[in-house]
Amino acid sequence: LGAGFKSLVGGELKGMTKMLVQSRTEAQDRLAEA
């Protein structure tokens, strides 16, 4: 919902940025484990 409202006015989607950073870290950790 926040992203939908933010898209009306523009700017960084901080919740989405945080999720992507967490995803990259988790994927990289799993890569190292493999």
Full PDB file with SEQRES, HELIX, SHEET, SSBOND, CRYST1, ORIGX, SCALE, CONECT and MASTER records, all heavy atoms in Angstrom:
SEQRES   1 A   34  LEU GLY ALA GLY PHE LYS SER LEU VAL GLY GLY GLU LEU          
SEQRES   2 A   34  LYS GLY MET THR LYS MET LEU VAL GLN SER ARG THR GLU          
SEQRES   3 A   34  ALA GLN ASP ARG LEU ALA GLU ALA                              
HELIX    1 AA1 GLY A    2  VAL A    9  1                                   8    
HELIX    2 AA2 LYS A   14  GLU A   33  1                                  20    
CRYST1    1.000    1.000    1.000  90.00  90.00  90.00 P 1           1          
ORIGX1      1.000000  0.000000  0.000000        0.00000                         
ORIGX2      0.000000  1.000000  0.000000        0.00000                         
ORIGX3      0.000000  0.000000  1.000000        0.00000                         
SCALE1      1.000000  0.000000  0.000000        0.00000                         
SCALE2      0.000000  1.000000  0.000000        0.00000                         
SCALE3      0.000000  0.000000  1.000000        0.00000                         
ATOM      1  N   LEU A   1       0.830  -1.203   0.000  1.00  0.00           N  
ATOM      2  CA  LEU A   1       0.000   0.000   0.000  1.00  0.00           C  
ATOM      3  C   LEU A   1       0.863   1.252   0.000  1.00  0.00           C  
ATOM      4  O   LEU A   1       0.604   2.196  -0.742  1.00  0.00           O  
ATOM      5  CB  LEU A   1      -0.942   0.007   1.207  1.00  0.00           C  
ATOM      6  CG  LEU A   1      -2.082  -1.018   1.177  1.00  0.00           C  
ATOM      7  CD1 LEU A   1      -2.833  -1.009   2.504  1.00  0.00           C  
ATOM      8  CD2 LEU A   1      -3.021  -0.728   0.026  1.00  0.00           C  
ATOM      9  N   GLY A   2       1.912   1.236   0.840  1.00  0.00           N  
ATOM     10  CA  GLY A   2       2.825   2.377   0.899  1.00  0.00           C  
ATOM     11  C   GLY A   2       3.507   2.622  -0.432  1.00  0.00           C  
ATOM     12  O   GLY A   2       3.654   3.763  -0.865  1.00  0.00           O  
ATOM     13  N   ALA A   3       3.910   1.558  -1.093  1.00  0.00           N  
ATOM     14  CA  ALA A   3       4.562   1.682  -2.397  1.00  0.00           C  
ATOM     15  C   ALA A   3       3.601   2.250  -3.429  1.00  0.00           C  
ATOM     16  O   ALA A   3       3.983   3.063  -4.266  1.00  0.00           O  
ATOM     17  CB  ALA A   3       5.095   0.337  -2.853  1.00  0.00           C  
ATOM     18  N   GLY A   4       2.345   1.826  -3.340  1.00  0.00           N  
ATOM     19  CA  GLY A   4       1.333   2.346  -4.268  1.00  0.00           C  
ATOM     20  C   GLY A   4       1.135   3.834  -4.099  1.00  0.00           C  
ATOM     21  O   GLY A   4       1.095   4.583  -5.078  1.00  0.00           O  
ATOM     22  N   PHE A   5       1.045   4.297  -2.862  1.00  0.00           N  
ATOM     23  CA  PHE A   5       0.886   5.728  -2.602  1.00  0.00           C  
ATOM     24  C   PHE A   5       2.146   6.498  -2.984  1.00  0.00           C  
ATOM     25  O   PHE A   5       2.072   7.580  -3.560  1.00  0.00           O  
ATOM     26  CB  PHE A   5       0.548   5.991  -1.131  1.00  0.00           C  
ATOM     27  CG  PHE A   5      -0.842   5.544  -0.749  1.00  0.00           C  
ATOM     28  CD1 PHE A   5      -1.036   4.770   0.382  1.00  0.00           C  
ATOM     29  CD2 PHE A   5      -1.950   5.884  -1.502  1.00  0.00           C  
ATOM     30  CE1 PHE A   5      -2.308   4.348   0.743  1.00  0.00           C  
ATOM     31  CE2 PHE A   5      -3.227   5.473  -1.162  1.00  0.00           C  
ATOM     32  CZ  PHE A   5      -3.408   4.701  -0.031  1.00  0.00           C  
ATOM     33  N   LYS A   6       3.295   5.942  -2.677  1.00  0.00           N  
ATOM     34  CA  LYS A   6       4.569   6.606  -2.975  1.00  0.00           C  
ATOM     35  C   LYS A   6       4.753   6.752  -4.479  1.00  0.00           C  
ATOM     36  O   LYS A   6       5.332   7.735  -4.943  1.00  0.00           O  
ATOM     37  CB  LYS A   6       5.720   5.808  -2.365  1.00  0.00           C  
ATOM     38  CG  LYS A   6       7.043   6.496  -2.424  1.00  0.00           C  
ATOM     39  CD  LYS A   6       7.069   7.665  -1.465  1.00  0.00           C  
ATOM     40  CE  LYS A   6       8.481   8.151  -1.305  1.00  0.00           C  
ATOM     41  NZ  LYS A   6       8.596   9.181  -0.302  1.00  0.00           N  
ATOM     42  N   SER A   7       4.268   5.801  -5.250  1.00  0.00           N  
ATOM     43  CA  SER A   7       4.429   5.869  -6.702  1.00  0.00           C  
ATOM     44  C   SER A   7       3.671   7.057  -7.296  1.00  0.00           C  
ATOM     45  O   SER A   7       3.992   7.510  -8.385  1.00  0.00           O  
ATOM     46  CB  SER A   7       3.985   4.567  -7.358  1.00  0.00           C  
ATOM     47  OG  SER A   7       2.593   4.403  -7.248  1.00  0.00           O  
ATOM     48  N   LEU A   8       2.689   7.562  -6.569  1.00  0.00           N  
ATOM     49  CA  LEU A   8       1.942   8.725  -7.046  1.00  0.00           C  
ATOM     50  C   LEU A   8       2.782  10.003  -6.989  1.00  0.00           C  
ATOM     51  O   LEU A   8       2.626  10.883  -7.834  1.00  0.00           O  
ATOM     52  CB  LEU A   8       0.667   8.919  -6.221  1.00  0.00           C  
ATOM     53  CG  LEU A   8      -0.378   7.804  -6.321  1.00  0.00           C  
ATOM     54  CD1 LEU A   8      -1.507   8.060  -5.326  1.00  0.00           C  
ATOM     55  CD2 LEU A   8      -0.918   7.693  -7.735  1.00  0.00           C  
ATOM     56  N   VAL A   9       3.677  10.092  -6.001  1.00  0.00           N  
ATOM     57  CA  VAL A   9       4.457  11.316  -5.824  1.00  0.00           C  
ATOM     58  C   VAL A   9       5.936  11.130  -6.133  1.00  0.00           C  
ATOM     59  O   VAL A   9       6.669  12.094  -6.239  1.00  0.00           O  
ATOM     60  CB  VAL A   9       4.297  11.880  -4.388  1.00  0.00           C  
ATOM     61  CG1 VAL A   9       2.872  12.314  -4.141  1.00  0.00           C  
ATOM     62  CG2 VAL A   9       4.737  10.877  -3.351  1.00  0.00           C  
ATOM     63  N   GLY A  10       6.380   9.904  -6.255  1.00  0.00           N  
ATOM     64  CA  GLY A  10       7.787   9.621  -6.557  1.00  0.00           C  
ATOM     65  C   GLY A  10       8.640   9.537  -5.306  1.00  0.00           C  
ATOM     66  O   GLY A  10       8.216   9.909  -4.219  1.00  0.00           O  
ATOM     67  N   GLY A  11       9.836   9.042  -5.451  1.00  0.00           N  
ATOM     68  CA  GLY A  11      10.765   8.922  -4.339  1.00  0.00           C  
ATOM     69  C   GLY A  11      11.125   7.481  -4.054  1.00  0.00           C  
ATOM     70  O   GLY A  11      10.553   6.547  -4.628  1.00  0.00           O  
ATOM     71  N   GLU A  12      12.076   7.309  -3.137  1.00  0.00           N  
ATOM     72  CA  GLU A  12      12.552   5.975  -2.793  1.00  0.00           C  
ATOM     73  C   GLU A  12      11.508   5.208  -1.999  1.00  0.00           C  
ATOM     74  O   GLU A  12      10.872   5.748  -1.101  1.00  0.00           O  
ATOM     75  CB  GLU A  12      13.832   6.066  -1.956  1.00  0.00           C  
ATOM     76  CG  GLU A  12      14.383   4.705  -1.593  1.00  0.00           C  
ATOM     77  CD  GLU A  12      15.610   4.753  -0.710  1.00  0.00           C  
ATOM     78  OE1 GLU A  12      15.990   5.848  -0.262  1.00  0.00           O  
ATOM     79  OE2 GLU A  12      16.191   3.687  -0.477  1.00  0.00           O  
ATOM     80  N   LEU A  13      11.363   3.938  -2.324  1.00  0.00           N  
ATOM     81  CA  LEU A  13      10.497   3.031  -1.576  1.00  0.00           C  
ATOM     82  C   LEU A  13      11.381   2.332  -0.548  1.00  0.00           C  
ATOM     83  O   LEU A  13      11.957   1.280  -0.818  1.00  0.00           O  
ATOM     84  CB  LEU A  13       9.832   2.027  -2.516  1.00  0.00           C  
ATOM     85  CG  LEU A  13       9.039   2.635  -3.673  1.00  0.00           C  
ATOM     86  CD1 LEU A  13       8.551   1.542  -4.610  1.00  0.00           C  
ATOM     87  CD2 LEU A  13       7.885   3.449  -3.138  1.00  0.00           C  
ATOM     88  N   LYS A  14      11.526   2.937   0.617  1.00  0.00           N  
ATOM     89  CA  LYS A  14      12.501   2.469   1.606  1.00  0.00           C  
ATOM     90  C   LYS A  14      12.219   1.044   2.071  1.00  0.00           C  
ATOM     91  O   LYS A  14      13.142   0.277   2.293  1.00  0.00           O  
ATOM     92  CB  LYS A  14      12.559   3.425   2.787  1.00  0.00           C  
ATOM     93  CG  LYS A  14      13.157   4.751   2.375  1.00  0.00           C  
ATOM     94  CD  LYS A  14      13.331   5.702   3.515  1.00  0.00           C  
ATOM     95  CE  LYS A  14      13.889   6.992   2.929  1.00  0.00           C  
ATOM     96  NZ  LYS A  14      14.331   7.918   3.905  1.00  0.00           N  
ATOM     97  N   GLY A  15      10.967   0.673   2.212  1.00  0.00           N  
ATOM     98  CA  GLY A  15      10.640  -0.693   2.604  1.00  0.00           C  
ATOM     99  C   GLY A  15      11.082  -1.695   1.554  1.00  0.00           C  
ATOM    100  O   GLY A  15      11.591  -2.773   1.873  1.00  0.00           O  
ATOM    101  N   MET A  16      10.908  -1.337   0.297  1.00  0.00           N  
ATOM    102  CA  MET A  16      11.328  -2.209  -0.800  1.00  0.00           C  
ATOM    103  C   MET A  16      12.851  -2.288  -0.879  1.00  0.00           C  
ATOM    104  O   MET A  16      13.411  -3.351  -1.121  1.00  0.00           O  
ATOM    105  CB  MET A  16      10.766  -1.699  -2.131  1.00  0.00           C  
ATOM    106  CG  MET A  16       9.252  -1.592  -2.148  1.00  0.00           C  
ATOM    107  SD  MET A  16       8.465  -3.175  -1.915  1.00  0.00           S  
ATOM    108  CE  MET A  16       8.719  -3.874  -3.505  1.00  0.00           C  
ATOM    109  N   THR A  17      13.522  -1.164  -0.675  1.00  0.00           N  
ATOM    110  CA  THR A  17      14.982  -1.147  -0.676  1.00  0.00           C  
ATOM    111  C   THR A  17      15.513  -2.058   0.426  1.00  0.00           C  
ATOM    112  O   THR A  17      16.430  -2.858   0.193  1.00  0.00           O  
ATOM    113  CB  THR A  17      15.509   0.287  -0.472  1.00  0.00           C  
ATOM    114  OG1 THR A  17      15.047   1.102  -1.550  1.00  0.00           O  
ATOM    115  CG2 THR A  17      17.028   0.318  -0.425  1.00  0.00           C  
ATOM    116  N   LYS A  18      14.933  -1.956   1.609  1.00  0.00           N  
ATOM    117  CA  LYS A  18      15.356  -2.800   2.728  1.00  0.00           C  
ATOM    118  C   LYS A  18      15.155  -4.279   2.395  1.00  0.00           C  
ATOM    119  O   LYS A  18      16.016  -5.111   2.669  1.00  0.00           O  
ATOM    120  CB  LYS A  18      14.565  -2.420   3.985  1.00  0.00           C  
ATOM    121  CG  LYS A  18      14.965  -3.184   5.212  1.00  0.00           C  
ATOM    122  CD  LYS A  18      14.158  -2.730   6.432  1.00  0.00           C  
ATOM    123  CE  LYS A  18      14.516  -3.560   7.640  1.00  0.00           C  
ATOM    124  NZ  LYS A  18      13.732  -3.202   8.808  1.00  0.00           N  
ATOM    125  N   MET A  19      14.017  -4.610   1.781  1.00  0.00           N  
ATOM    126  CA  MET A  19      13.739  -5.993   1.417  1.00  0.00           C  
ATOM    127  C   MET A  19      14.763  -6.504   0.397  1.00  0.00           C  
ATOM    128  O   MET A  19      15.244  -7.635   0.497  1.00  0.00           O  
ATOM    129  CB  MET A  19      12.323  -6.134   0.856  1.00  0.00           C  
ATOM    130  CG  MET A  19      11.937  -7.580   0.561  1.00  0.00           C  
ATOM    131  SD  MET A  19      10.258  -7.785  -0.055  1.00  0.00           S  
ATOM    132  CE  MET A  19      10.433  -7.219  -1.724  1.00  0.00           C  
ATOM    133  N   LEU A  20      15.133  -5.677  -0.575  1.00  0.00           N  
ATOM    134  CA  LEU A  20      16.109  -6.097  -1.581  1.00  0.00           C  
ATOM    135  C   LEU A  20      17.488  -6.304  -0.972  1.00  0.00           C  
ATOM    136  O   LEU A  20      18.190  -7.254  -1.326  1.00  0.00           O  
ATOM    137  CB  LEU A  20      16.183  -5.067  -2.714  1.00  0.00           C  
ATOM    138  CG  LEU A  20      15.006  -5.102  -3.685  1.00  0.00           C  
ATOM    139  CD1 LEU A  20      15.065  -3.915  -4.636  1.00  0.00           C  
ATOM    140  CD2 LEU A  20      14.998  -6.397  -4.466  1.00  0.00           C  
ATOM    141  N   VAL A  21      17.880  -5.432  -0.060  1.00  0.00           N  
ATOM    142  CA  VAL A  21      19.175  -5.592   0.609  1.00  0.00           C  
ATOM    143  C   VAL A  21      19.193  -6.898   1.403  1.00  0.00           C  
ATOM    144  O   VAL A  21      20.162  -7.667   1.349  1.00  0.00           O  
ATOM    145  CB  VAL A  21      19.481  -4.382   1.520  1.00  0.00           C  
ATOM    146  CG1 VAL A  21      20.669  -4.655   2.427  1.00  0.00           C  
ATOM    147  CG2 VAL A  21      19.723  -3.141   0.684  1.00  0.00           C  
ATOM    148  N   GLN A  22      18.116  -7.178   2.136  1.00  0.00           N  
ATOM    149  CA  GLN A  22      18.025  -8.423   2.898  1.00  0.00           C  
ATOM    150  C   GLN A  22      18.053  -9.632   1.960  1.00  0.00           C  
ATOM    151  O   GLN A  22      18.698 -10.639   2.259  1.00  0.00           O  
ATOM    152  CB  GLN A  22      16.753  -8.448   3.736  1.00  0.00           C  
ATOM    153  CG  GLN A  22      16.763  -7.481   4.893  1.00  0.00           C  
ATOM    154  CD  GLN A  22      15.397  -7.366   5.576  1.00  0.00           C  
ATOM    155  OE1 GLN A  22      14.370  -7.716   5.001  1.00  0.00           O  
ATOM    156  NE2 GLN A  22      15.408  -6.870   6.802  1.00  0.00           N  
ATOM    157  N   SER A  23      17.370  -9.530   0.838  1.00  0.00           N  
ATOM    158  CA  SER A  23      17.339 -10.632  -0.128  1.00  0.00           C  
ATOM    159  C   SER A  23      18.717 -10.900  -0.709  1.00  0.00           C  
ATOM    160  O   SER A  23      19.140 -12.052  -0.844  1.00  0.00           O  
ATOM    161  CB  SER A  23      16.359 -10.319  -1.258  1.00  0.00           C  
ATOM    162  OG  SER A  23      15.043 -10.272  -0.778  1.00  0.00           O  
ATOM    163  N   ARG A  24      19.441  -9.844  -1.061  1.00  0.00           N  
ATOM    164  CA  ARG A  24      20.796 -10.021  -1.608  1.00  0.00           C  
ATOM    165  C   ARG A  24      21.703 -10.699  -0.596  1.00  0.00           C  
ATOM    166  O   ARG A  24      22.450 -11.616  -0.932  1.00  0.00           O  
ATOM    167  CB  ARG A  24      21.393  -8.669  -2.008  1.00  0.00           C  
ATOM    168  CG  ARG A  24      20.893  -8.146  -3.325  1.00  0.00           C  
ATOM    169  CD  ARG A  24      21.503  -6.796  -3.622  1.00  0.00           C  
ATOM    170  NE  ARG A  24      22.943  -6.872  -3.743  1.00  0.00           N  
ATOM    171  CZ  ARG A  24      23.619  -6.677  -4.867  1.00  0.00           C  
ATOM    172  NH1 ARG A  24      22.986  -6.385  -5.975  1.00  0.00           N  
ATOM    173  NH2 ARG A  24      24.931  -6.760  -4.894  1.00  0.00           N  
ATOM    174  N   THR A  25      21.637 -10.236   0.647  1.00  0.00           N  
ATOM    175  CA  THR A  25      22.474 -10.805   1.701  1.00  0.00           C  
ATOM    176  C   THR A  25      22.149 -12.274   1.916  1.00  0.00           C  
ATOM    177  O   THR A  25      23.046 -13.120   2.011  1.00  0.00           O  
ATOM    178  CB  THR A  25      22.295 -10.009   3.008  1.00  0.00           C  
ATOM    179  OG1 THR A  25      22.671  -8.647   2.773  1.00  0.00           O  
ATOM    180  CG2 THR A  25      23.134 -10.583   4.131  1.00  0.00           C  
ATOM    181  N   GLU A  26      20.866 -12.594   1.970  1.00  0.00           N  
ATOM    182  CA  GLU A  26      20.448 -13.981   2.188  1.00  0.00           C  
ATOM    183  C   GLU A  26      20.866 -14.872   1.013  1.00  0.00           C  
ATOM    184  O   GLU A  26      21.374 -15.974   1.209  1.00  0.00           O  
ATOM    185  CB  GLU A  26      18.940 -14.043   2.388  1.00  0.00           C  
ATOM    186  CG  GLU A  26      18.450 -15.382   2.875  1.00  0.00           C  
ATOM    187  CD  GLU A  26      16.995 -15.307   3.313  1.00  0.00           C  
ATOM    188  OE1 GLU A  26      16.742 -14.844   4.433  1.00  0.00           O  
ATOM    189  OE2 GLU A  26      16.132 -15.699   2.506  1.00  0.00           O  
ATOM    190  N   ALA A  27      20.671 -14.395  -0.212  1.00  0.00           N  
ATOM    191  CA  ALA A  27      21.052 -15.176  -1.389  1.00  0.00           C  
ATOM    192  C   ALA A  27      22.566 -15.386  -1.427  1.00  0.00           C  
ATOM    193  O   ALA A  27      23.047 -16.485  -1.734  1.00  0.00           O  
ATOM    194  CB  ALA A  27      20.578 -14.473  -2.665  1.00  0.00           C  
ATOM    195  N   GLN A  28      23.334 -14.360  -1.063  1.00  0.00           N  
ATOM    196  CA  GLN A  28      24.793 -14.470  -1.060  1.00  0.00           C  
ATOM    197  C   GLN A  28      25.261 -15.442   0.019  1.00  0.00           C  
ATOM    198  O   GLN A  28      26.177 -16.245  -0.217  1.00  0.00           O  
ATOM    199  CB  GLN A  28      25.392 -13.086  -0.836  1.00  0.00           C  
ATOM    200  CG  GLN A  28      26.800 -12.956  -1.276  1.00  0.00           C  
ATOM    201  CD  GLN A  28      27.238 -11.499  -1.288  1.00  0.00           C  
ATOM    202  OE1 GLN A  28      26.538 -10.596  -0.831  1.00  0.00           O  
ATOM    203  NE2 GLN A  28      28.410 -11.262  -1.817  1.00  0.00           N  
ATOM    204  N   ASP A  29      24.638 -15.400   1.188  1.00  0.00           N  
ATOM    205  CA  ASP A  29      24.977 -16.344   2.262  1.00  0.00           C  
ATOM    206  C   ASP A  29      24.693 -17.781   1.827  1.00  0.00           C  
ATOM    207  O   ASP A  29      25.492 -18.684   2.072  1.00  0.00           O  
ATOM    208  CB  ASP A  29      24.202 -16.025   3.541  1.00  0.00           C  
ATOM    209  CG  ASP A  29      24.661 -14.743   4.226  1.00  0.00           C  
ATOM    210  OD1 ASP A  29      25.743 -14.218   3.876  1.00  0.00           O  
ATOM    211  OD2 ASP A  29      23.922 -14.252   5.101  1.00  0.00           O  
ATOM    212  N   ARG A  30      23.562 -17.996   1.180  1.00  0.00           N  
ATOM    213  CA  ARG A  30      23.205 -19.337   0.705  1.00  0.00           C  
ATOM    214  C   ARG A  30      24.153 -19.803  -0.396  1.00  0.00           C  
ATOM    215  O   ARG A  30      24.476 -20.986  -0.502  1.00  0.00           O  
ATOM    216  CB  ARG A  30      21.756 -19.368   0.240  1.00  0.00           C  
ATOM    217  CG  ARG A  30      20.797 -19.246   1.406  1.00  0.00           C  
ATOM    218  CD  ARG A  30      19.366 -19.243   0.979  1.00  0.00           C  
ATOM    219  NE  ARG A  30      18.509 -19.147   2.150  1.00  0.00           N  
ATOM    220  CZ  ARG A  30      17.195 -19.030   2.100  1.00  0.00           C  
ATOM    221  NH1 ARG A  30      16.569 -19.016   0.927  1.00  0.00           N  
ATOM    222  NH2 ARG A  30      16.493 -18.940   3.208  1.00  0.00           N  
ATOM    223  N   LEU A  31      24.603 -18.871  -1.224  1.00  0.00           N  
ATOM    224  CA  LEU A  31      25.575 -19.183  -2.269  1.00  0.00           C  
ATOM    225  C   LEU A  31      26.875 -19.681  -1.638  1.00  0.00           C  
ATOM    226  O   LEU A  31      27.427 -20.706  -2.049  1.00  0.00           O  
ATOM    227  CB  LEU A  31      25.841 -17.937  -3.112  1.00  0.00           C  
ATOM    228  CG  LEU A  31      26.931 -18.041  -4.175  1.00  0.00           C  
ATOM    229  CD1 LEU A  31      26.517 -19.015  -5.273  1.00  0.00           C  
ATOM    230  CD2 LEU A  31      27.237 -16.673  -4.748  1.00  0.00           C  
ATOM    231  N   ALA A  32      27.357 -18.974  -0.623  1.00  0.00           N  
ATOM    232  CA  ALA A  32      28.586 -19.378   0.064  1.00  0.00           C  
ATOM    233  C   ALA A  32      28.417 -20.744   0.717  1.00  0.00           C  
ATOM    234  O   ALA A  32      29.329 -21.583   0.661  1.00  0.00           O  
ATOM    235  CB  ALA A  32      28.980 -18.326   1.105  1.00  0.00           C  
ATOM    236  N   GLU A  33      27.267 -21.003   1.316  1.00  0.00           N  
ATOM    237  CA  GLU A  33      26.997 -22.310   1.928  1.00  0.00           C  
ATOM    238  C   GLU A  33      27.035 -23.420   0.878  1.00  0.00           C  
ATOM    239  O   GLU A  33      27.579 -24.500   1.125  1.00  0.00           O  
ATOM    240  CB  GLU A  33      25.637 -22.306   2.622  1.00  0.00           C  
ATOM    241  CG  GLU A  33      25.588 -21.473   3.889  1.00  0.00           C  
ATOM    242  CD  GLU A  33      24.166 -21.295   4.421  1.00  0.00           C  
ATOM    243  OE1 GLU A  33      23.228 -21.975   3.920  1.00  0.00           O  
ATOM    244  OE2 GLU A  33      23.992 -20.459   5.330  1.00  0.00           O  
ATOM    245  N   ALA A  34      26.469 -23.155  -0.288  1.00  0.00           N  
ATOM    246  CA  ALA A  34      26.454 -24.159  -1.359  1.00  0.00           C  
ATOM    247  C   ALA A  34      27.875 -24.454  -1.838  1.00  0.00           C  
ATOM    248  O   ALA A  34      28.222 -25.613  -2.096  1.00  0.00           O  
ATOM    249  CB  ALA A  34      25.582 -23.685  -2.522  1.00  0.00           C  
TER     250      ALA A  34                                                      
MASTER        0    0    0    2    0    0    0    6  249    1    0    3          
END                                                                             
